[in-house]
């Protein structure tokens, strides 16, 4: 199941909330049920990768959030 644009935006918002409070249950961006499983598989500093799984609706998606290029050191 591919996420549409609004679901992708909502997934990004829910990932941000999960990063702030990882023990608080997260609602699925597709069905709205609590219990979205989020696994951080990021390869920082290059990109953030999150595996999203919802047992209620069957969502199984990987979300990529590219990060900007590394800033060179001023030292």
C-alpha atoms as a PDB file:
ATOM      1  CA  UNK A   1       0.000   0.000   0.000  1.00  0.00           C
ATOM      2  CA  UNK A   2       1.549   3.309  -1.063  1.00  0.00           C
ATOM      3  CA  UNK A   3       0.845   6.403   0.991  1.00  0.00           C
ATOM      4  CA  UNK A   4      -0.668   9.414  -0.756  1.00  0.00           C
ATOM      5  CA  UNK A   5       0.738  12.928  -0.262  1.00  0.00           C
ATOM      6  CA  UNK A   6      -1.449  13.771   2.745  1.00  0.00           C
ATOM      7  CA  UNK A   7      -0.699  10.436   4.415  1.00  0.00           C
ATOM      8  CA  UNK A   8       3.040  11.019   3.887  1.00  0.00           C
ATOM      9  CA  UNK A   9       2.790  14.454   5.537  1.00  0.00           C
ATOM     10  CA  UNK A  10       0.832  12.943   8.420  1.00  0.00           C
ATOM     11  CA  UNK A  11       3.330  10.097   8.773  1.00  0.00           C
ATOM     12  CA  UNK A  12       6.184  12.634   8.975  1.00  0.00           C
ATOM     13  CA  UNK A  13       4.298  14.570  11.689  1.00  0.00           C
ATOM     14  CA  UNK A  14       3.680  11.379  13.656  1.00  0.00           C
ATOM     15  CA  UNK A  15       7.315  10.313  13.354  1.00  0.00           C
ATOM     16  CA  UNK A  16       8.362  13.733  14.703  1.00  0.00           C
ATOM     17  CA  UNK A  17       5.997  13.318  17.660  1.00  0.00           C
ATOM     18  CA  UNK A  18       7.266   9.771  18.250  1.00  0.00           C
ATOM     19  CA  UNK A  19      10.875  11.004  18.302  1.00  0.00           C
ATOM     20  CA  UNK A  20       9.945  13.479  21.077  1.00  0.00           C
ATOM     21  CA  UNK A  21       7.969  10.910  23.114  1.00  0.00           C
ATOM     22  CA  UNK A  22       8.804   7.386  21.911  1.00  0.00           C
ATOM     23  CA  UNK A  23       6.781   5.650  24.649  1.00  0.00           C
ATOM     24  CA  UNK A  24       3.502   7.387  23.730  1.00  0.00           C
ATOM     25  CA  UNK A  25       1.317   5.293  21.367  1.00  0.00           C
ATOM     26  CA  UNK A  26       1.152   6.664  17.818  1.00  0.00           C
ATOM     27  CA  UNK A  27      -1.893   6.579  15.539  1.00  0.00           C
ATOM     28  CA  UNK A  28      -1.588   5.136  12.043  1.00  0.00           C
ATOM     29  CA  UNK A  29      -1.589   7.797   9.281  1.00  0.00           C
ATOM     30  CA  UNK A  30      -3.901   5.565   7.202  1.00  0.00           C
ATOM     31  CA  UNK A  31      -6.547   4.154   9.563  1.00  0.00           C
ATOM     32  CA  UNK A  32      -6.064   6.327  12.662  1.00  0.00           C
ATOM     33  CA  UNK A  33      -5.791   3.380  15.059  1.00  0.00           C
ATOM     34  CA  UNK A  34      -3.284   3.641  17.900  1.00  0.00           C
ATOM     35  CA  UNK A  35      -0.408   1.203  17.823  1.00  0.00           C
ATOM     36  CA  UNK A  36       1.627   2.241  14.785  1.00  0.00           C
ATOM     37  CA  UNK A  37       5.012   0.548  15.065  1.00  0.00           C
ATOM     38  CA  UNK A  38       7.906   2.800  14.064  1.00  0.00           C
ATOM     39  CA  UNK A  39      11.434   1.467  13.648  1.00  0.00           C
ATOM     40  CA  UNK A  40      14.240   3.957  13.051  1.00  0.00           C
ATOM     41  CA  UNK A  41      16.582   2.536  10.387  1.00  0.00           C
ATOM     42  CA  UNK A  42      18.324   5.825   9.670  1.00  0.00           C
ATOM     43  CA  UNK A  43      21.738   6.168   8.069  1.00  0.00           C
ATOM     44  CA  UNK A  44      22.625   9.535   9.535  1.00  0.00           C
ATOM     45  CA  UNK A  45      24.024  11.960   8.483  1.00  0.00           C
ATOM     46  CA  UNK A  46      22.797  11.020   4.992  1.00  0.00           C
ATOM     47  CA  UNK A  47      19.115  10.187   5.454  1.00  0.00           C
ATOM     48  CA  UNK A  48      16.472   9.181   7.948  1.00  0.00           C
ATOM     49  CA  UNK A  49      14.637   5.916   7.222  1.00  0.00           C
ATOM     50  CA  UNK A  50      11.620   4.761   9.195  1.00  0.00           C
ATOM     51  CA  UNK A  51       9.779   1.452   8.872  1.00  0.00           C
ATOM     52  CA  UNK A  52       6.071   1.922   9.632  1.00  0.00           C
ATOM     53  CA  UNK A  53       3.795  -1.024  10.427  1.00  0.00           C
ATOM     54  CA  UNK A  54       0.145  -1.055  11.491  1.00  0.00           C
ATOM     55  CA  UNK A  55      -1.449  -4.361  12.502  1.00  0.00           C
ATOM     56  CA  UNK A  56      -4.948  -2.836  12.298  1.00  0.00           C
ATOM     57  CA  UNK A  57      -4.915  -1.962   8.565  1.00  0.00           C
ATOM     58  CA  UNK A  58      -1.865  -3.831   7.295  1.00  0.00           C
ATOM     59  CA  UNK A  59       0.275  -0.778   6.561  1.00  0.00           C
ATOM     60  CA  UNK A  60       3.883  -1.774   5.879  1.00  0.00           C
ATOM     61  CA  UNK A  61       5.811   1.183   4.506  1.00  0.00           C
ATOM     62  CA  UNK A  62       9.324   2.610   4.641  1.00  0.00           C
ATOM     63  CA  UNK A  63       9.593   6.385   4.745  1.00  0.00           C
ATOM     64  CA  UNK A  64      12.786   8.156   3.637  1.00  0.00           C
ATOM     65  CA  UNK A  65      13.577  11.680   4.800  1.00  0.00           C
ATOM     66  CA  UNK A  66      16.727  12.964   3.015  1.00  0.00           C
ATOM     67  CA  UNK A  67      19.046  15.111   5.071  1.00  0.00           C
ATOM     68  CA  UNK A  68      21.127  17.999   3.765  1.00  0.00           C
ATOM     69  CA  UNK A  69      24.811  17.618   2.968  1.00  0.00           C
ATOM     70  CA  UNK A  70      27.240  17.550   5.851  1.00  0.00           C
ATOM     71  CA  UNK A  71      28.530  20.971   6.891  1.00  0.00           C
ATOM     72  CA  UNK A  72      32.324  21.150   6.732  1.00  0.00           C
ATOM     73  CA  UNK A  73      34.100  21.818   9.990  1.00  0.00           C
ATOM     74  CA  UNK A  74      35.352  25.336  10.662  1.00  0.00           C
ATOM     75  CA  UNK A  75      38.309  24.000  12.658  1.00  0.00           C
END
